[in-house]
Amino acid sequence: MKFSNLLFFALGLFLFTSCGDDDKPADQVIGTWNIDSVEYSDCDDEINNDLEIYGDASCEDNGGEEECQNVTLSFTAPGTLVSVFTETVNGEVEESDTGNGTYSFSDTNENELTICQFGDCVTGIVSFSGSSMTLLGSDDGCVFTLRASK
């Protein structure tokens, strides 16, 4: 009898701690994310369909020089966003731009994320899987998919 009570207590404790607030998207988004890709698809004007690759996969040989583009998004509480775009040539930083913005989650849908930066806002549904984040939404007549990793 004591064993079964202990088993139920342990199971209840496990379930209680496994379903904590840290599973909320607003908590999961906090930190610095490396953008892997941004895809624009199903655009009203097909010419706008595009796939932008960042990180190591973006590196290309350009006349004997390796050029790479990296973008990071840093989400901090409460609602502050910093983006950093970096272009490197042969491992040396050629260009770096930093932008400040904001982010917020919807009061009615905890997965709906709005990011505002450079005078423009985009809204999408965010999902997390391990150390990966996907933001799916629409902007300027296109469906966009942003993929990032920590």
C-alpha atoms as a PDB file:
ATOM      1  CA  MET A   1       0.000   0.000   0.000  1.00  0.00           C
ATOM      2  CA  LYS A   2       2.799   2.440   0.917  1.00  0.00           C
ATOM      3  CA  PHE A   3       4.577   1.588  -2.348  1.00  0.00           C
ATOM      4  CA  SER A   4       1.508   2.378  -4.446  1.00  0.00           C
ATOM      5  CA  ASN A   5       0.979   5.681  -2.576  1.00  0.00           C
ATOM      6  CA  LEU A   6       4.617   6.553  -3.153  1.00  0.00           C
ATOM      7  CA  LEU A   7       4.310   5.603  -6.828  1.00  0.00           C
ATOM      8  CA  PHE A   8       1.238   7.823  -7.296  1.00  0.00           C
ATOM      9  CA  PHE A   9       2.948  10.675  -5.444  1.00  0.00           C
ATOM     10  CA  ALA A  10       6.057  10.358  -7.630  1.00  0.00           C
ATOM     11  CA  LEU A  11       3.949  10.197 -10.796  1.00  0.00           C
ATOM     12  CA  GLY A  12       1.953  13.259  -9.716  1.00  0.00           C
ATOM     13  CA  LEU A  13       5.144  15.149  -8.918  1.00  0.00           C
ATOM     14  CA  PHE A  14       6.578  14.235 -12.335  1.00  0.00           C
ATOM     15  CA  LEU A  15       3.449  15.395 -14.159  1.00  0.00           C
ATOM     16  CA  PHE A  16       3.277  18.588 -12.133  1.00  0.00           C
ATOM     17  CA  THR A  17       6.900  19.547 -12.850  1.00  0.00           C
ATOM     18  CA  SER A  18       6.734  18.479 -16.513  1.00  0.00           C
ATOM     19  CA  CYS A  19       3.873  20.835 -17.307  1.00  0.00           C
ATOM     20  CA  GLY A  20       5.422  24.009 -15.941  1.00  0.00           C
ATOM     21  CA  ASP A  21       5.301  27.491 -17.392  1.00  0.00           C
ATOM     22  CA  ASP A  22       8.669  26.999 -19.142  1.00  0.00           C
ATOM     23  CA  ASP A  23       6.808  25.322 -22.009  1.00  0.00           C
ATOM     24  CA  LYS A  24       5.133  28.603 -22.971  1.00  0.00           C
ATOM     25  CA  PRO A  25       6.389  30.128 -26.224  1.00  0.00           C
ATOM     26  CA  ALA A  26       6.971  33.454 -24.449  1.00  0.00           C
ATOM     27  CA  ASP A  27       9.550  31.681 -22.274  1.00  0.00           C
ATOM     28  CA  GLN A  28      11.018  29.494 -25.013  1.00  0.00           C
ATOM     29  CA  VAL A  29      11.756  32.417 -27.346  1.00  0.00           C
ATOM     30  CA  ILE A  30      14.087  34.118 -24.853  1.00  0.00           C
ATOM     31  CA  GLY A  31      17.718  33.979 -25.954  1.00  0.00           C
ATOM     32  CA  THR A  32      19.776  34.365 -29.107  1.00  0.00           C
ATOM     33  CA  TRP A  33      18.674  32.547 -32.258  1.00  0.00           C
ATOM     34  CA  ASN A  34      20.748  31.991 -35.393  1.00  0.00           C
ATOM     35  CA  ILE A  35      18.573  32.404 -38.470  1.00  0.00           C
ATOM     36  CA  ASP A  36      18.987  29.383 -40.746  1.00  0.00           C
ATOM     37  CA  SER A  37      16.610  30.471 -43.508  1.00  0.00           C
ATOM     38  CA  VAL A  38      13.731  32.738 -44.474  1.00  0.00           C
ATOM     39  CA  GLU A  39      11.489  31.463 -47.244  1.00  0.00           C
ATOM     40  CA  TYR A  40       8.867  33.474 -49.114  1.00  0.00           C
ATOM     41  CA  SER A  41       6.398  31.262 -50.979  1.00  0.00           C
ATOM     42  CA  ASP A  42       2.922  31.335 -52.521  1.00  0.00           C
ATOM     43  CA  CYS A  43       3.419  35.026 -53.281  1.00  0.00           C
ATOM     44  CA  ASP A  44       0.735  36.937 -55.149  1.00  0.00           C
ATOM     45  CA  ASP A  45       3.494  37.897 -57.566  1.00  0.00           C
ATOM     46  CA  GLU A  46       5.618  34.779 -58.232  1.00  0.00           C
ATOM     47  CA  ILE A  47       8.740  36.884 -58.741  1.00  0.00           C
ATOM     48  CA  ASN A  48       8.752  37.475 -54.950  1.00  0.00           C
ATOM     49  CA  ASN A  49       9.068  33.752 -54.124  1.00  0.00           C
ATOM     50  CA  ASP A  50      12.520  33.420 -52.571  1.00  0.00           C
ATOM     51  CA  LEU A  51      14.649  31.382 -50.183  1.00  0.00           C
ATOM     52  CA  GLU A  52      17.308  33.209 -48.185  1.00  0.00           C
ATOM     53  CA  ILE A  53      19.919  30.976 -46.508  1.00  0.00           C
ATOM     54  CA  TYR A  54      22.111  32.153 -43.599  1.00  0.00           C
ATOM     55  CA  GLY A  55      24.902  30.704 -41.488  1.00  0.00           C
ATOM     56  CA  ASP A  56      27.444  28.187 -42.744  1.00  0.00           C
ATOM     57  CA  ALA A  57      25.047  27.008 -45.467  1.00  0.00           C
ATOM     58  CA  SER A  58      25.115  30.520 -46.979  1.00  0.00           C
ATOM     59  CA  CYS A  59      28.845  30.463 -47.679  1.00  0.00           C
ATOM     60  CA  GLU A  60      29.751  30.762 -51.366  1.00  0.00           C
ATOM     61  CA  ASP A  61      32.986  30.948 -53.293  1.00  0.00           C
ATOM     62  CA  ASN A  62      33.081  34.327 -54.995  1.00  0.00           C
ATOM     63  CA  GLY A  63      36.222  34.592 -57.103  1.00  0.00           C
ATOM     64  CA  GLY A  64      38.327  32.643 -54.626  1.00  0.00           C
ATOM     65  CA  GLU A  65      36.903  34.367 -51.576  1.00  0.00           C
ATOM     66  CA  GLU A  66      34.451  32.672 -49.232  1.00  0.00           C
ATOM     67  CA  GLU A  67      31.506  34.959 -48.485  1.00  0.00           C
ATOM     68  CA  CYS A  68      29.019  34.123 -45.713  1.00  0.00           C
ATOM     69  CA  GLN A  69      25.984  35.858 -44.217  1.00  0.00           C
ATOM     70  CA  ASN A  70      24.780  35.410 -40.645  1.00  0.00           C
ATOM     71  CA  VAL A  71      21.742  36.831 -38.876  1.00  0.00           C
ATOM     72  CA  THR A  72      20.966  36.516 -35.184  1.00  0.00           C
ATOM     73  CA  LEU A  73      17.846  37.551 -33.312  1.00  0.00           C
ATOM     74  CA  SER A  74      18.162  38.116 -29.565  1.00  0.00           C
ATOM     75  CA  PHE A  75      14.892  38.113 -27.650  1.00  0.00           C
ATOM     76  CA  THR A  76      15.056  39.521 -24.128  1.00  0.00           C
ATOM     77  CA  ALA A  77      12.358  40.191 -21.598  1.00  0.00           C
ATOM     78  CA  PRO A  78      10.286  42.276 -21.642  1.00  0.00           C
ATOM     79  CA  GLY A  79       9.695  42.466 -25.371  1.00  0.00           C
ATOM     80  CA  THR A  80      13.070  43.733 -26.585  1.00  0.00           C
ATOM     81  CA  LEU A  81      14.569  42.393 -29.811  1.00  0.00           C
ATOM     82  CA  VAL A  82      18.049  42.954 -31.250  1.00  0.00           C
ATOM     83  CA  SER A  83      19.032  41.675 -34.688  1.00  0.00           C
ATOM     84  CA  VAL A  84      22.572  41.466 -35.997  1.00  0.00           C
ATOM     85  CA  PHE A  85      23.404  40.923 -39.673  1.00  0.00           C
ATOM     86  CA  THR A  86      27.025  40.011 -40.392  1.00  0.00           C
ATOM     87  CA  GLU A  87      28.729  39.425 -43.730  1.00  0.00           C
ATOM     88  CA  THR A  88      32.141  37.794 -43.675  1.00  0.00           C
ATOM     89  CA  VAL A  89      34.735  37.325 -46.405  1.00  0.00           C
ATOM     90  CA  ASN A  90      37.360  34.653 -45.732  1.00  0.00           C
ATOM     91  CA  GLY A  91      36.331  34.699 -42.073  1.00  0.00           C
ATOM     92  CA  GLU A  92      36.819  38.447 -41.652  1.00  0.00           C
ATOM     93  CA  VAL A  93      33.825  40.699 -40.923  1.00  0.00           C
ATOM     94  CA  GLU A  94      33.187  42.950 -43.922  1.00  0.00           C
ATOM     95  CA  GLU A  95      29.833  44.366 -42.826  1.00  0.00           C
ATOM     96  CA  SER A  96      27.810  44.287 -39.639  1.00  0.00           C
ATOM     97  CA  ASP A  97      24.463  45.946 -38.967  1.00  0.00           C
ATOM     98  CA  THR A  98      22.526  45.952 -35.704  1.00  0.00           C
ATOM     99  CA  GLY A  99      18.841  46.754 -35.414  1.00  0.00           C
ATOM    100  CA  ASN A 100      16.604  47.209 -32.396  1.00  0.00           C
ATOM    101  CA  GLY A 101      12.962  46.243 -32.266  1.00  0.00           C
ATOM    102  CA  THR A 102      10.207  44.788 -30.165  1.00  0.00           C
ATOM    103  CA  TYR A 103       8.236  41.573 -29.966  1.00  0.00           C
ATOM    104  CA  SER A 104       5.007  40.517 -28.305  1.00  0.00           C
ATOM    105  CA  PHE A 105       2.742  37.532 -27.969  1.00  0.00           C
ATOM    106  CA  SER A 106      -1.008  37.690 -28.525  1.00  0.00           C
ATOM    107  CA  ASP A 107      -3.291  37.733 -25.500  1.00  0.00           C
ATOM    108  CA  THR A 108      -5.651  35.314 -27.254  1.00  0.00           C
ATOM    109  CA  ASN A 109      -3.148  32.878 -28.831  1.00  0.00           C
ATOM    110  CA  GLU A 110       0.069  32.155 -26.932  1.00  0.00           C
ATOM    111  CA  ASN A 111       1.740  30.944 -30.162  1.00  0.00           C
ATOM    112  CA  GLU A 112       1.072  34.148 -32.122  1.00  0.00           C
ATOM    113  CA  LEU A 113       4.253  36.224 -32.198  1.00  0.00           C
ATOM    114  CA  THR A 114       4.547  39.761 -33.588  1.00  0.00           C
ATOM    115  CA  ILE A 115       7.988  41.149 -34.385  1.00  0.00           C
ATOM    116  CA  CYS A 116       8.398  44.874 -35.116  1.00  0.00           C
ATOM    117  CA  GLN A 117      11.604  46.300 -36.531  1.00  0.00           C
ATOM    118  CA  PHE A 118      12.642  48.996 -39.004  1.00  0.00           C
ATOM    119  CA  GLY A 119       9.114  50.463 -39.005  1.00  0.00           C
ATOM    120  CA  ASP A 120       7.459  47.200 -40.074  1.00  0.00           C
ATOM    121  CA  CYS A 121       5.709  44.453 -38.124  1.00  0.00           C
ATOM    122  CA  VAL A 122       5.145  40.811 -39.045  1.00  0.00           C
ATOM    123  CA  THR A 123       2.935  38.340 -37.214  1.00  0.00           C
ATOM    124  CA  GLY A 124       3.118  34.588 -37.352  1.00  0.00           C
ATOM    125  CA  ILE A 125       2.608  31.369 -35.468  1.00  0.00           C
ATOM    126  CA  VAL A 126       5.752  30.251 -33.661  1.00  0.00           C
ATOM    127  CA  SER A 127       6.629  26.664 -32.800  1.00  0.00           C
ATOM    128  CA  PHE A 128       9.597  25.083 -31.044  1.00  0.00           C
ATOM    129  CA  SER A 129      11.227  21.680 -31.334  1.00  0.00           C
ATOM    130  CA  GLY A 130      14.308  21.160 -29.200  1.00  0.00           C
ATOM    131  CA  SER A 131      16.728  23.934 -30.109  1.00  0.00           C
ATOM    132  CA  SER A 132      14.817  24.914 -33.270  1.00  0.00           C
ATOM    133  CA  MET A 133      12.230  27.621 -33.824  1.00  0.00           C
ATOM    134  CA  THR A 134       9.874  28.100 -36.785  1.00  0.00           C
ATOM    135  CA  LEU A 135       7.777  31.207 -37.414  1.00  0.00           C
ATOM    136  CA  LEU A 136       5.090  30.860 -40.093  1.00  0.00           C
ATOM    137  CA  GLY A 137       3.037  33.840 -41.246  1.00  0.00           C
ATOM    138  CA  SER A 138       2.150  36.095 -44.144  1.00  0.00           C
ATOM    139  CA  ASP A 139       3.609  39.407 -45.237  1.00  0.00           C
ATOM    140  CA  ASP A 140       3.163  41.547 -48.363  1.00  0.00           C
ATOM    141  CA  GLY A 141       1.189  38.897 -50.247  1.00  0.00           C
ATOM    142  CA  CYS A 142       3.574  36.039 -49.422  1.00  0.00           C
ATOM    143  CA  VAL A 143       3.691  33.199 -46.942  1.00  0.00           C
ATOM    144  CA  PHE A 144       6.936  33.380 -44.980  1.00  0.00           C
ATOM    145  CA  THR A 145       8.707  30.688 -42.996  1.00  0.00           C
ATOM    146  CA  LEU A 146      11.573  31.709 -40.730  1.00  0.00           C
ATOM    147  CA  ARG A 147      13.704  28.872 -39.344  1.00  0.00           C
ATOM    148  CA  ALA A 148      16.226  29.447 -36.560  1.00  0.00           C
ATOM    149  CA  SER A 149      18.312  27.457 -34.100  1.00  0.00           C
ATOM    150  CA  LYS A 150      20.129  28.070 -30.840  1.00  0.00           C
END
